[in-house]
Structure formats: C-alpha cells, structure tokens
Amino acid sequence: MSFASSVKDDLCRISTAKSCCKKAELSAFLLLNGSLRLGLKNSVALSMQTEHGGTARRIFSLAKEVYDMQSEIIVHRKDKLKKNQVYSLVMNPQDGVSTALAELGFSPEDIWKPDFTMLPKEHIWKNNCCKRALLRGAFLASGSVSDPQSGYHLEIVCNNPQQAEFLNMIFAELELHGGIVARKQSYVLYLKESEQIITFLALI
C-alpha cells in the first residue's frame, strides 16, 4: 500500500458529525471528480470514480446522508496491465443530484458551455470547519502525498485553473502557501515544505 493510500484510509475513518461539513467534503469530491450526463427533459445523471475503496464507500454514504442520493457502486479493472480496481459511483437522475449541482452553481443549460466552471457557493465553505472538510474531499478526490522518507510533496490535481485558484484561496485562508503548475490538461495545486504538508494533513 502506498503512503498516500494509507493517508486516505485514515481520512475515511474520520467521523463527520456536522451536516455542513459533510456537504463541503462531498462538494469538493464532486467538483474534482464528477462527470455529468444530460438525459431527457434536462435531467442530469452523475458519476464519480476512485481507485480507493474506502473513499468510494465514504462518498456513497455522504451522498445518501446529505442529499438522499440513491447511488450504485460498480467495481471494475482499469486495464489489463496494472489491474487496478476502479470504483465507479453512479447516480441516475434524481432530486438529490439536481440539488447538489445547484449548490455548485450548475444548471442543465450549462452542460453545453465549453468554458463553464463549477465552484461551490460561499455558504458551503464559509466556516473554518467546512474549509477543512472541503480540503479533505479535494484530497480524497484527486490528491496524493509522497512518503516523507523519499521527499516532501503533496498535490491536488484540478481540471482547470479556476478550481486550482479556488482551492489555493482556501489554502491561504488556512495559512497554507500553495503553488499552482500546469501539467498536460490539468492544473496542480501543491505544497513542498514539510511543515506545510504536516499542517495540511492535520487540518483535514
């Protein structure tokens, strides 16, 4: 098991009592990891993928608790060589999906806009406890951290610069000093100082 997977195992064991923090964590995962499919009469289906089983179970539970989303977890192999298991969470069109997306500023008409970017509305992350939960969801969605024995590096991969800048704003409000770099089709928010990485992990 990698060091990053071990960290995610620990995060998935954290009990989150506040509904506002549950919503913040789920919104970040949806933001960085969600895929949308438009159906009949502007209905929207949602799917998310992760290679970490604990994360899949946690997001499944959060979606049910926060938005009463009915979802299905499908397990399959990523490819024949690596044989990594991939967990896909599939949520067919339902009221919970529409409500969650609305809180990220999405409407069905936006799916046709190539430059549209979803970001959580301010009420989702205004409290410090929710900022921490949001960063936990972001790390579970697309984060990694190196083993301290081999160096210091933590990153969260974002789909576009707006997402990276938004998360970096949350970093700054929690006194974290991140950097952003473009990598292929993604934008990576990173920390490289050991004390900053320790602080981030303690916060989430």
N, C-alpha and C. Protein backbone atom coordinates (compact mmCIF):
# COMPACT_ATOMS: atom_id res chain seq x y z
N MET A 1 0.84 -1.20 0.00
CA MET A 1 0.00 0.00 0.00
C MET A 1 0.87 1.25 0.00
N SER A 2 0.54 2.23 -0.84
CA SER A 2 1.31 3.46 -0.90
C SER A 2 1.04 4.33 0.32
N PHE A 3 1.95 5.28 0.58
CA PHE A 3 1.77 6.19 1.70
C PHE A 3 0.49 7.01 1.52
N ALA A 4 0.24 7.46 0.29
CA ALA A 4 -0.96 8.25 0.02
C ALA A 4 -2.23 7.45 0.31
N SER A 5 -2.25 6.18 -0.06
CA SER A 5 -3.41 5.33 0.21
C SER A 5 -3.61 5.15 1.71
N SER A 6 -2.51 5.04 2.45
CA SER A 6 -2.60 4.92 3.89
C SER A 6 -3.20 6.18 4.52
N VAL A 7 -2.79 7.35 4.01
CA VAL A 7 -3.35 8.61 4.49
C VAL A 7 -4.86 8.66 4.20
N LYS A 8 -5.25 8.24 3.00
CA LYS A 8 -6.67 8.26 2.64
C LYS A 8 -7.46 7.28 3.50
N ASP A 9 -6.86 6.14 3.85
CA ASP A 9 -7.53 5.21 4.77
C ASP A 9 -7.85 5.92 6.09
N ASP A 10 -6.86 6.67 6.61
CA ASP A 10 -7.06 7.39 7.87
C ASP A 10 -8.16 8.45 7.72
N LEU A 11 -8.16 9.16 6.61
CA LEU A 11 -9.17 10.21 6.40
C LEU A 11 -10.58 9.62 6.34
N CYS A 12 -10.69 8.45 5.74
CA CYS A 12 -12.01 7.82 5.59
C CYS A 12 -12.56 7.30 6.91
N ARG A 13 -11.70 7.21 7.93
CA ARG A 13 -12.17 6.77 9.24
C ARG A 13 -12.62 7.94 10.11
N ILE A 14 -12.44 9.17 9.62
CA ILE A 14 -12.84 10.35 10.39
C ILE A 14 -14.36 10.44 10.41
N SER A 15 -14.90 10.62 11.61
CA SER A 15 -16.35 10.78 11.75
C SER A 15 -16.70 12.26 11.61
N THR A 16 -17.61 12.56 10.71
CA THR A 16 -18.04 13.94 10.46
C THR A 16 -19.47 14.09 10.94
N ALA A 17 -19.65 14.86 12.01
CA ALA A 17 -20.97 14.99 12.61
C ALA A 17 -21.80 16.11 11.98
N LYS A 18 -21.15 17.21 11.63
CA LYS A 18 -21.89 18.37 11.14
C LYS A 18 -22.33 18.17 9.69
N SER A 19 -23.60 18.46 9.42
CA SER A 19 -24.10 18.31 8.06
C SER A 19 -23.43 19.30 7.11
N CYS A 20 -23.07 20.50 7.61
CA CYS A 20 -22.41 21.48 6.75
C CYS A 20 -21.06 20.98 6.27
N CYS A 21 -20.34 20.27 7.14
CA CYS A 21 -19.02 19.74 6.77
C CYS A 21 -19.15 18.55 5.82
N LYS A 22 -20.19 17.76 6.02
CA LYS A 22 -20.45 16.65 5.09
C LYS A 22 -20.71 17.19 3.69
N LYS A 23 -21.49 18.27 3.63
CA LYS A 23 -21.80 18.88 2.34
C LYS A 23 -20.55 19.45 1.68
N ALA A 24 -19.69 20.10 2.48
CA ALA A 24 -18.45 20.69 1.94
C ALA A 24 -17.52 19.62 1.39
N GLU A 25 -17.37 18.52 2.13
CA GLU A 25 -16.49 17.44 1.68
C GLU A 25 -17.01 16.81 0.39
N LEU A 26 -18.31 16.54 0.35
CA LEU A 26 -18.90 15.94 -0.84
C LEU A 26 -18.81 16.88 -2.04
N SER A 27 -19.02 18.18 -1.83
CA SER A 27 -19.00 19.13 -2.94
C SER A 27 -17.62 19.19 -3.59
N ALA A 28 -16.56 19.10 -2.77
CA ALA A 28 -15.21 19.13 -3.34
C ALA A 28 -14.94 17.88 -4.16
N PHE A 29 -15.39 16.73 -3.66
CA PHE A 29 -15.18 15.49 -4.41
C PHE A 29 -15.94 15.53 -5.73
N LEU A 30 -17.17 16.01 -5.67
CA LEU A 30 -17.99 16.12 -6.87
C LEU A 30 -17.35 17.09 -7.88
N LEU A 31 -16.84 18.20 -7.34
CA LEU A 31 -16.24 19.22 -8.18
C LEU A 31 -15.06 18.68 -8.98
N LEU A 32 -14.17 17.95 -8.31
CA LEU A 32 -12.93 17.50 -8.94
C LEU A 32 -13.07 16.16 -9.64
N ASN A 33 -14.09 15.39 -9.27
CA ASN A 33 -14.16 14.02 -9.74
C ASN A 33 -15.46 13.67 -10.44
N GLY A 34 -16.39 14.61 -10.50
CA GLY A 34 -17.70 14.30 -11.05
C GLY A 34 -17.76 14.38 -12.57
N SER A 35 -18.55 13.49 -13.15
CA SER A 35 -18.85 13.53 -14.59
C SER A 35 -20.36 13.58 -14.76
N LEU A 36 -20.81 14.42 -15.66
CA LEU A 36 -22.24 14.64 -15.85
C LEU A 36 -22.72 14.05 -17.16
N ARG A 37 -23.97 13.60 -17.16
CA ARG A 37 -24.60 13.13 -18.40
C ARG A 37 -26.02 13.69 -18.43
N LEU A 38 -26.33 14.39 -19.50
CA LEU A 38 -27.65 15.01 -19.64
C LEU A 38 -28.62 14.01 -20.25
N GLY A 39 -29.81 13.87 -19.62
CA GLY A 39 -30.82 12.94 -20.10
C GLY A 39 -32.04 13.67 -20.64
N LEU A 40 -33.15 12.98 -20.65
CA LEU A 40 -34.39 13.55 -21.17
C LEU A 40 -34.90 14.68 -20.28
N LYS A 41 -35.49 15.69 -20.91
CA LYS A 41 -36.09 16.82 -20.19
C LYS A 41 -35.11 17.48 -19.23
N ASN A 42 -33.86 17.61 -19.68
CA ASN A 42 -32.81 18.28 -18.90
C ASN A 42 -32.49 17.59 -17.58
N SER A 43 -32.81 16.30 -17.47
CA SER A 43 -32.41 15.56 -16.28
C SER A 43 -30.90 15.28 -16.36
N VAL A 44 -30.25 15.21 -15.19
CA VAL A 44 -28.79 15.05 -15.15
C VAL A 44 -28.43 13.85 -14.30
N ALA A 45 -27.58 12.99 -14.86
CA ALA A 45 -27.02 11.87 -14.10
C ALA A 45 -25.59 12.23 -13.71
N LEU A 46 -25.13 11.65 -12.62
CA LEU A 46 -23.81 11.98 -12.08
C LEU A 46 -23.03 10.70 -11.84
N SER A 47 -21.74 10.72 -12.16
CA SER A 47 -20.88 9.58 -11.84
C SER A 47 -19.54 10.09 -11.33
N MET A 48 -18.91 9.30 -10.49
CA MET A 48 -17.60 9.62 -9.94
C MET A 48 -16.78 8.35 -9.87
N GLN A 49 -15.47 8.49 -9.98
CA GLN A 49 -14.58 7.33 -9.95
C GLN A 49 -13.44 7.53 -8.98
N THR A 50 -13.01 6.44 -8.37
CA THR A 50 -11.84 6.46 -7.50
C THR A 50 -11.23 5.06 -7.48
N GLU A 51 -9.94 5.01 -7.25
CA GLU A 51 -9.27 3.72 -7.10
C GLU A 51 -9.16 3.32 -5.64
N HIS A 52 -9.68 4.14 -4.76
CA HIS A 52 -9.58 3.88 -3.32
C HIS A 52 -10.94 3.44 -2.79
N GLY A 53 -11.01 2.19 -2.35
CA GLY A 53 -12.28 1.62 -1.92
C GLY A 53 -12.91 2.35 -0.75
N GLY A 54 -12.10 2.76 0.23
CA GLY A 54 -12.62 3.48 1.38
C GLY A 54 -13.26 4.79 0.99
N THR A 55 -12.65 5.48 0.03
CA THR A 55 -13.21 6.74 -0.45
C THR A 55 -14.55 6.50 -1.13
N ALA A 56 -14.65 5.46 -1.93
CA ALA A 56 -15.91 5.15 -2.61
C ALA A 56 -17.03 4.93 -1.60
N ARG A 57 -16.74 4.19 -0.56
CA ARG A 57 -17.76 3.92 0.46
C ARG A 57 -18.12 5.20 1.22
N ARG A 58 -17.12 6.05 1.49
CA ARG A 58 -17.38 7.30 2.22
C ARG A 58 -18.26 8.24 1.39
N ILE A 59 -17.94 8.39 0.10
CA ILE A 59 -18.72 9.28 -0.76
C ILE A 59 -20.14 8.74 -0.95
N PHE A 60 -20.25 7.44 -1.07
CA PHE A 60 -21.57 6.79 -1.16
C PHE A 60 -22.42 7.17 0.05
N SER A 61 -21.83 7.09 1.25
CA SER A 61 -22.55 7.41 2.48
C SER A 61 -22.89 8.89 2.57
N LEU A 62 -21.92 9.76 2.22
CA LEU A 62 -22.17 11.20 2.28
C LEU A 62 -23.29 11.61 1.33
N ALA A 63 -23.28 11.05 0.13
CA ALA A 63 -24.32 11.38 -0.85
C ALA A 63 -25.70 11.00 -0.34
N LYS A 64 -25.78 9.88 0.35
CA LYS A 64 -27.06 9.43 0.91
C LYS A 64 -27.47 10.32 2.08
N GLU A 65 -26.52 10.62 2.97
CA GLU A 65 -26.84 11.37 4.18
C GLU A 65 -27.20 12.83 3.89
N VAL A 66 -26.47 13.45 2.95
CA VAL A 66 -26.62 14.89 2.73
C VAL A 66 -27.75 15.19 1.76
N TYR A 67 -27.83 14.44 0.65
CA TYR A 67 -28.80 14.76 -0.40
C TYR A 67 -29.78 13.63 -0.69
N ASP A 68 -29.74 12.59 0.13
CA ASP A 68 -30.60 11.42 -0.07
C ASP A 68 -30.46 10.87 -1.49
N MET A 69 -29.23 10.88 -2.00
CA MET A 69 -28.96 10.34 -3.34
C MET A 69 -28.92 8.81 -3.29
N GLN A 70 -29.62 8.20 -4.21
CA GLN A 70 -29.53 6.76 -4.40
C GLN A 70 -28.43 6.49 -5.42
N SER A 71 -27.43 5.74 -5.04
CA SER A 71 -26.31 5.51 -5.94
C SER A 71 -25.92 4.03 -5.95
N GLU A 72 -25.13 3.70 -6.93
CA GLU A 72 -24.66 2.32 -7.11
C GLU A 72 -23.15 2.35 -7.27
N ILE A 73 -22.45 1.42 -6.61
CA ILE A 73 -21.00 1.31 -6.77
C ILE A 73 -20.71 0.14 -7.70
N ILE A 74 -20.02 0.44 -8.80
CA ILE A 74 -19.63 -0.59 -9.77
C ILE A 74 -18.11 -0.74 -9.71
N VAL A 75 -17.63 -1.97 -9.55
CA VAL A 75 -16.20 -2.24 -9.44
C VAL A 75 -15.72 -2.88 -10.73
N HIS A 76 -14.63 -2.34 -11.29
CA HIS A 76 -14.07 -2.92 -12.50
C HIS A 76 -12.56 -2.70 -12.52
N ARG A 77 -11.89 -3.29 -13.48
CA ARG A 77 -10.44 -3.16 -13.59
C ARG A 77 -10.10 -2.04 -14.55
N LYS A 78 -9.05 -1.28 -14.22
CA LYS A 78 -8.68 -0.14 -15.04
C LYS A 78 -8.11 -0.58 -16.38
N ASP A 79 -7.20 -1.53 -16.36
CA ASP A 79 -6.65 -2.08 -17.60
C ASP A 79 -6.04 -3.44 -17.30
N LYS A 80 -5.58 -4.13 -18.36
CA LYS A 80 -5.08 -5.49 -18.21
C LYS A 80 -3.68 -5.55 -17.60
N LEU A 81 -2.91 -4.46 -17.73
CA LEU A 81 -1.53 -4.49 -17.24
C LEU A 81 -1.45 -4.16 -15.75
N LYS A 82 -1.97 -3.00 -15.36
CA LYS A 82 -1.89 -2.60 -13.96
C LYS A 82 -2.91 -3.33 -13.09
N LYS A 83 -4.04 -3.63 -13.68
CA LYS A 83 -5.10 -4.35 -13.00
C LYS A 83 -5.57 -3.64 -11.73
N ASN A 84 -5.52 -2.33 -11.72
CA ASN A 84 -6.04 -1.55 -10.60
C ASN A 84 -7.56 -1.63 -10.57
N GLN A 85 -8.11 -1.81 -9.38
CA GLN A 85 -9.56 -1.78 -9.24
C GLN A 85 -10.04 -0.34 -9.25
N VAL A 86 -11.10 -0.09 -10.00
CA VAL A 86 -11.71 1.24 -10.05
C VAL A 86 -13.14 1.12 -9.54
N TYR A 87 -13.50 2.04 -8.65
CA TYR A 87 -14.84 2.08 -8.08
C TYR A 87 -15.59 3.25 -8.71
N SER A 88 -16.67 2.93 -9.41
CA SER A 88 -17.49 3.97 -10.04
C SER A 88 -18.79 4.12 -9.26
N LEU A 89 -19.06 5.36 -8.83
CA LEU A 89 -20.33 5.67 -8.18
C LEU A 89 -21.26 6.27 -9.22
N VAL A 90 -22.37 5.64 -9.45
CA VAL A 90 -23.32 6.07 -10.48
C VAL A 90 -24.62 6.52 -9.80
N MET A 91 -25.02 7.76 -10.10
CA MET A 91 -26.24 8.32 -9.53
C MET A 91 -27.13 8.75 -10.69
N ASN A 92 -28.17 8.01 -10.94
CA ASN A 92 -29.09 8.33 -12.03
C ASN A 92 -29.88 9.61 -11.71
N PRO A 93 -30.53 10.21 -12.72
CA PRO A 93 -31.26 11.47 -12.48
C PRO A 93 -32.22 11.35 -11.29
N GLN A 94 -32.12 12.31 -10.36
CA GLN A 94 -32.96 12.33 -9.16
C GLN A 94 -32.83 13.70 -8.52
N ASP A 95 -33.72 13.99 -7.59
CA ASP A 95 -33.75 15.31 -6.96
C ASP A 95 -32.44 15.62 -6.25
N GLY A 96 -31.86 14.65 -5.59
CA GLY A 96 -30.62 14.88 -4.85
C GLY A 96 -29.48 15.34 -5.74
N VAL A 97 -29.37 14.77 -6.92
CA VAL A 97 -28.34 15.18 -7.87
C VAL A 97 -28.55 16.63 -8.29
N SER A 98 -29.78 16.98 -8.60
CA SER A 98 -30.08 18.35 -9.03
C SER A 98 -29.77 19.35 -7.91
N THR A 99 -30.11 19.00 -6.68
CA THR A 99 -29.85 19.90 -5.55
C THR A 99 -28.36 20.09 -5.32
N ALA A 100 -27.60 19.00 -5.36
CA ALA A 100 -26.15 19.09 -5.15
C ALA A 100 -25.49 19.94 -6.23
N LEU A 101 -25.89 19.75 -7.47
CA LEU A 101 -25.31 20.51 -8.57
C LEU A 101 -25.68 21.98 -8.49
N ALA A 102 -26.90 22.27 -8.05
CA ALA A 102 -27.32 23.66 -7.92
C ALA A 102 -26.45 24.40 -6.93
N GLU A 103 -26.00 23.70 -5.89
CA GLU A 103 -25.16 24.34 -4.89
C GLU A 103 -23.73 24.54 -5.38
N LEU A 104 -23.42 23.95 -6.51
CA LEU A 104 -22.15 24.21 -7.18
C LEU A 104 -22.35 25.20 -8.33
N GLY A 105 -23.51 25.83 -8.37
CA GLY A 105 -23.78 26.84 -9.39
C GLY A 105 -24.08 26.30 -10.76
N PHE A 106 -24.55 25.05 -10.85
CA PHE A 106 -24.79 24.40 -12.14
C PHE A 106 -26.27 24.38 -12.47
N SER A 107 -26.58 24.60 -13.73
CA SER A 107 -27.92 24.35 -14.27
C SER A 107 -27.75 23.52 -15.54
N PRO A 108 -28.76 22.72 -15.93
CA PRO A 108 -28.60 21.83 -17.09
C PRO A 108 -28.16 22.54 -18.36
N GLU A 109 -28.54 23.78 -18.54
CA GLU A 109 -28.14 24.52 -19.74
C GLU A 109 -26.63 24.72 -19.81
N ASP A 110 -25.98 24.70 -18.67
CA ASP A 110 -24.54 24.96 -18.63
C ASP A 110 -23.71 23.83 -19.23
N ILE A 111 -24.30 22.65 -19.34
CA ILE A 111 -23.54 21.49 -19.81
C ILE A 111 -23.04 21.68 -21.24
N TRP A 112 -23.67 22.60 -21.98
CA TRP A 112 -23.26 22.85 -23.36
C TRP A 112 -22.23 23.98 -23.47
N LYS A 113 -21.88 24.60 -22.36
CA LYS A 113 -20.93 25.72 -22.40
C LYS A 113 -19.51 25.20 -22.18
N PRO A 114 -18.65 25.30 -23.18
CA PRO A 114 -17.31 24.72 -23.06
C PRO A 114 -16.45 25.40 -22.00
N ASP A 115 -16.74 26.67 -21.67
CA ASP A 115 -15.91 27.38 -20.71
C ASP A 115 -16.56 27.47 -19.33
N PHE A 116 -17.63 26.70 -19.10
CA PHE A 116 -18.31 26.78 -17.82
C PHE A 116 -17.52 26.05 -16.74
N THR A 117 -17.39 26.68 -15.58
CA THR A 117 -16.68 26.08 -14.46
C THR A 117 -17.55 26.11 -13.21
N MET A 118 -17.73 24.96 -12.58
CA MET A 118 -18.48 24.90 -11.33
C MET A 118 -17.55 25.20 -10.16
N LEU A 119 -18.04 25.97 -9.21
CA LEU A 119 -17.34 26.23 -7.96
C LEU A 119 -18.37 26.25 -6.83
N PRO A 120 -18.03 25.74 -5.66
CA PRO A 120 -19.00 25.73 -4.57
C PRO A 120 -19.42 27.15 -4.18
N LYS A 121 -20.69 27.31 -3.88
CA LYS A 121 -21.18 28.60 -3.40
C LYS A 121 -20.63 28.88 -2.01
N GLU A 122 -20.54 30.15 -1.67
CA GLU A 122 -19.82 30.56 -0.46
C GLU A 122 -20.39 29.96 0.82
N HIS A 123 -21.70 29.74 0.87
CA HIS A 123 -22.27 29.22 2.12
C HIS A 123 -21.76 27.81 2.43
N ILE A 124 -21.24 27.12 1.42
CA ILE A 124 -20.73 25.77 1.63
C ILE A 124 -19.40 25.77 2.37
N TRP A 125 -18.58 26.80 2.17
CA TRP A 125 -17.23 26.80 2.73
C TRP A 125 -16.92 27.99 3.63
N LYS A 126 -17.92 28.77 4.05
CA LYS A 126 -17.64 30.00 4.80
C LYS A 126 -17.06 29.73 6.19
N ASN A 127 -17.43 28.61 6.83
CA ASN A 127 -16.90 28.30 8.17
C ASN A 127 -15.56 27.57 8.06
N ASN A 128 -14.68 27.78 9.04
CA ASN A 128 -13.37 27.13 9.01
C ASN A 128 -13.49 25.61 9.03
N CYS A 129 -14.46 25.08 9.78
CA CYS A 129 -14.63 23.64 9.82
C CYS A 129 -14.99 23.10 8.44
N CYS A 130 -15.77 23.88 7.69
CA CYS A 130 -16.17 23.47 6.35
C CYS A 130 -15.02 23.62 5.35
N LYS A 131 -14.17 24.61 5.54
CA LYS A 131 -12.98 24.73 4.70
C LYS A 131 -12.10 23.49 4.84
N ARG A 132 -11.94 23.04 6.07
CA ARG A 132 -11.13 21.85 6.32
C ARG A 132 -11.77 20.61 5.68
N ALA A 133 -13.09 20.49 5.82
CA ALA A 133 -13.80 19.36 5.22
C ALA A 133 -13.71 19.41 3.70
N LEU A 134 -13.81 20.61 3.14
CA LEU A 134 -13.72 20.77 1.69
C LEU A 134 -12.35 20.31 1.19
N LEU A 135 -11.29 20.67 1.90
CA LEU A 135 -9.95 20.23 1.50
C LEU A 135 -9.79 18.72 1.67
N ARG A 136 -10.45 18.15 2.66
CA ARG A 136 -10.41 16.70 2.81
C ARG A 136 -11.04 16.03 1.60
N GLY A 137 -12.19 16.54 1.17
CA GLY A 137 -12.84 15.99 -0.01
C GLY A 137 -12.01 16.15 -1.26
N ALA A 138 -11.33 17.30 -1.38
CA ALA A 138 -10.47 17.54 -2.54
C ALA A 138 -9.30 16.56 -2.56
N PHE A 139 -8.71 16.33 -1.39
CA PHE A 139 -7.57 15.39 -1.34
C PHE A 139 -8.03 13.97 -1.65
N LEU A 140 -9.19 13.57 -1.12
CA LEU A 140 -9.70 12.23 -1.42
C LEU A 140 -10.03 12.08 -2.91
N ALA A 141 -10.46 13.18 -3.53
CA ALA A 141 -10.85 13.13 -4.94
C ALA A 141 -9.66 12.98 -5.86
N SER A 142 -8.62 13.78 -5.64
CA SER A 142 -7.52 13.79 -6.61
C SER A 142 -6.18 14.17 -5.99
N GLY A 143 -6.02 13.90 -4.71
CA GLY A 143 -4.79 14.26 -4.03
C GLY A 143 -3.82 13.12 -3.90
N SER A 144 -2.56 13.47 -3.68
CA SER A 144 -1.52 12.48 -3.38
C SER A 144 -0.46 13.15 -2.53
N VAL A 145 0.27 12.33 -1.79
CA VAL A 145 1.35 12.85 -0.95
C VAL A 145 2.47 11.81 -0.95
N SER A 146 3.70 12.27 -1.06
CA SER A 146 4.83 11.35 -1.11
C SER A 146 5.20 10.86 0.28
N ASP A 147 5.82 9.72 0.34
CA ASP A 147 6.34 9.19 1.60
C ASP A 147 7.43 10.13 2.09
N PRO A 148 7.35 10.61 3.34
CA PRO A 148 8.36 11.54 3.84
C PRO A 148 9.79 11.03 3.74
N GLN A 149 9.97 9.72 3.71
CA GLN A 149 11.31 9.16 3.61
C GLN A 149 11.93 9.39 2.23
N SER A 150 11.09 9.69 1.24
CA SER A 150 11.62 9.89 -0.11
C SER A 150 11.51 11.34 -0.57
N GLY A 151 11.00 12.24 0.28
CA GLY A 151 10.88 13.64 -0.10
C GLY A 151 9.55 14.21 0.36
N TYR A 152 9.39 15.50 0.15
CA TYR A 152 8.18 16.18 0.61
C TYR A 152 7.45 16.78 -0.57
N HIS A 153 6.26 16.24 -0.83
CA HIS A 153 5.45 16.76 -1.93
C HIS A 153 4.01 16.32 -1.73
N LEU A 154 3.10 17.27 -1.75
CA LEU A 154 1.67 16.99 -1.68
C LEU A 154 1.00 17.77 -2.80
N GLU A 155 0.04 17.16 -3.48
CA GLU A 155 -0.63 17.84 -4.58
C GLU A 155 -2.08 17.43 -4.69
N ILE A 156 -2.87 18.34 -5.27
CA ILE A 156 -4.26 18.09 -5.63
C ILE A 156 -4.41 18.46 -7.09
N VAL A 157 -4.83 17.52 -7.91
CA VAL A 157 -4.95 17.74 -9.35
C VAL A 157 -6.33 18.30 -9.66
N CYS A 158 -6.37 19.44 -10.36
CA CYS A 158 -7.62 20.12 -10.69
C CYS A 158 -7.86 20.07 -12.20
N ASN A 159 -9.10 20.23 -12.59
CA ASN A 159 -9.47 20.14 -14.00
C ASN A 159 -9.19 21.41 -14.78
N ASN A 160 -9.12 22.54 -14.09
CA ASN A 160 -8.94 23.82 -14.76
C ASN A 160 -8.32 24.82 -13.78
N PRO A 161 -7.81 25.95 -14.26
CA PRO A 161 -7.14 26.90 -13.38
C PRO A 161 -8.07 27.52 -12.35
N GLN A 162 -9.35 27.65 -12.68
CA GLN A 162 -10.30 28.24 -11.72
C GLN A 162 -10.44 27.38 -10.46
N GLN A 163 -10.49 26.06 -10.65
CA GLN A 163 -10.56 25.17 -9.49
C GLN A 163 -9.30 25.28 -8.65
N ALA A 164 -8.13 25.28 -9.32
CA ALA A 164 -6.86 25.37 -8.59
C ALA A 164 -6.78 26.68 -7.81
N GLU A 165 -7.19 27.78 -8.43
CA GLU A 165 -7.15 29.08 -7.77
C GLU A 165 -8.14 29.14 -6.60
N PHE A 166 -9.31 28.52 -6.77
CA PHE A 166 -10.29 28.49 -5.69
C PHE A 166 -9.72 27.74 -4.48
N LEU A 167 -9.16 26.56 -4.72
CA LEU A 167 -8.60 25.78 -3.61
C LEU A 167 -7.40 26.49 -2.99
N ASN A 168 -6.63 27.18 -3.81
CA ASN A 168 -5.49 27.92 -3.27
C ASN A 168 -5.97 29.08 -2.38
N MET A 169 -7.12 29.64 -2.71
CA MET A 169 -7.71 30.66 -1.86
C MET A 169 -8.07 30.07 -0.49
N ILE A 170 -8.64 28.86 -0.50
CA ILE A 170 -8.95 28.18 0.75
C ILE A 170 -7.65 27.89 1.51
N PHE A 171 -6.61 27.46 0.79
CA PHE A 171 -5.29 27.27 1.40
C PHE A 171 -4.88 28.53 2.15
N ALA A 172 -4.93 29.66 1.47
CA ALA A 172 -4.45 30.92 2.04
C ALA A 172 -5.24 31.30 3.29
N GLU A 173 -6.54 31.05 3.28
CA GLU A 173 -7.37 31.39 4.43
C GLU A 173 -7.04 30.52 5.64
N LEU A 174 -6.40 29.36 5.39
CA LEU A 174 -5.97 28.47 6.47
C LEU A 174 -4.46 28.54 6.67
N GLU A 175 -3.84 29.60 6.12
CA GLU A 175 -2.41 29.87 6.28
C GLU A 175 -1.53 28.79 5.66
N LEU A 176 -1.97 28.27 4.53
CA LEU A 176 -1.17 27.36 3.72
C LEU A 176 -0.71 28.12 2.48
N HIS A 177 0.50 27.85 2.05
CA HIS A 177 1.08 28.61 0.94
C HIS A 177 1.34 27.67 -0.24
N GLY A 178 0.34 27.54 -1.08
CA GLY A 178 0.42 26.61 -2.20
C GLY A 178 0.94 27.24 -3.47
N GLY A 179 1.37 26.39 -4.37
CA GLY A 179 1.77 26.82 -5.71
C GLY A 179 0.91 26.09 -6.73
N ILE A 180 0.79 26.65 -7.93
CA ILE A 180 -0.01 26.05 -8.99
C ILE A 180 0.86 25.89 -10.23
N VAL A 181 0.79 24.72 -10.85
CA VAL A 181 1.54 24.48 -12.07
C VAL A 181 0.64 23.73 -13.06
N ALA A 182 0.77 24.04 -14.35
CA ALA A 182 0.02 23.32 -15.38
C ALA A 182 0.73 22.01 -15.68
N ARG A 183 -0.05 20.95 -15.84
CA ARG A 183 0.52 19.64 -16.17
C ARG A 183 -0.40 18.96 -17.18
N LYS A 184 0.04 18.91 -18.42
CA LYS A 184 -0.77 18.36 -19.51
C LYS A 184 -2.10 19.10 -19.55
N GLN A 185 -3.21 18.39 -19.34
CA GLN A 185 -4.53 19.02 -19.42
C GLN A 185 -5.05 19.41 -18.04
N SER A 186 -4.20 19.31 -17.01
CA SER A 186 -4.64 19.57 -15.65
C SER A 186 -3.85 20.73 -15.03
N TYR A 187 -4.32 21.16 -13.86
CA TYR A 187 -3.64 22.20 -13.09
C TYR A 187 -3.45 21.65 -11.68
N VAL A 188 -2.22 21.68 -11.20
CA VAL A 188 -1.86 21.03 -9.95
C VAL A 188 -1.57 22.06 -8.87
N LEU A 189 -2.28 21.95 -7.77
CA LEU A 189 -2.03 22.76 -6.58
C LEU A 189 -1.14 21.93 -5.67
N TYR A 190 -0.02 22.50 -5.23
CA TYR A 190 0.95 21.68 -4.50
C TYR A 190 1.53 22.40 -3.28
N LEU A 191 2.05 21.57 -2.37
CA LEU A 191 2.83 22.03 -1.23
C LEU A 191 4.14 21.24 -1.23
N LYS A 192 5.25 21.91 -0.91
CA LYS A 192 6.54 21.22 -0.92
C LYS A 192 7.30 21.31 0.41
N GLU A 193 6.88 22.19 1.30
CA GLU A 193 7.57 22.33 2.58
C GLU A 193 6.98 21.34 3.58
N SER A 194 7.84 20.65 4.30
CA SER A 194 7.40 19.61 5.22
C SER A 194 6.41 20.15 6.26
N GLU A 195 6.68 21.32 6.83
CA GLU A 195 5.80 21.87 7.86
C GLU A 195 4.42 22.21 7.28
N GLN A 196 4.40 22.69 6.05
CA GLN A 196 3.13 23.00 5.40
C GLN A 196 2.32 21.72 5.14
N ILE A 197 2.99 20.66 4.72
CA ILE A 197 2.31 19.38 4.47
C ILE A 197 1.77 18.81 5.77
N ILE A 198 2.55 18.89 6.83
CA ILE A 198 2.09 18.42 8.14
C ILE A 198 0.86 19.21 8.59
N THR A 199 0.92 20.52 8.39
CA THR A 199 -0.22 21.38 8.76
C THR A 199 -1.46 21.01 7.96
N PHE A 200 -1.29 20.81 6.66
CA PHE A 200 -2.43 20.44 5.80
C PHE A 200 -3.05 19.14 6.28
N LEU A 201 -2.24 18.13 6.51
CA LEU A 201 -2.78 16.83 6.94
C LEU A 201 -3.46 16.93 8.30
N ALA A 202 -2.93 17.77 9.17
CA ALA A 202 -3.56 17.96 10.48
C ALA A 202 -4.91 18.67 10.31
N LEU A 203 -4.99 19.61 9.41
CA LEU A 203 -6.23 20.36 9.18
C LEU A 203 -7.35 19.46 8.66
N ILE A 204 -7.00 18.54 7.77
CA ILE A 204 -8.04 17.72 7.14
C ILE A 204 -8.35 16.43 7.92
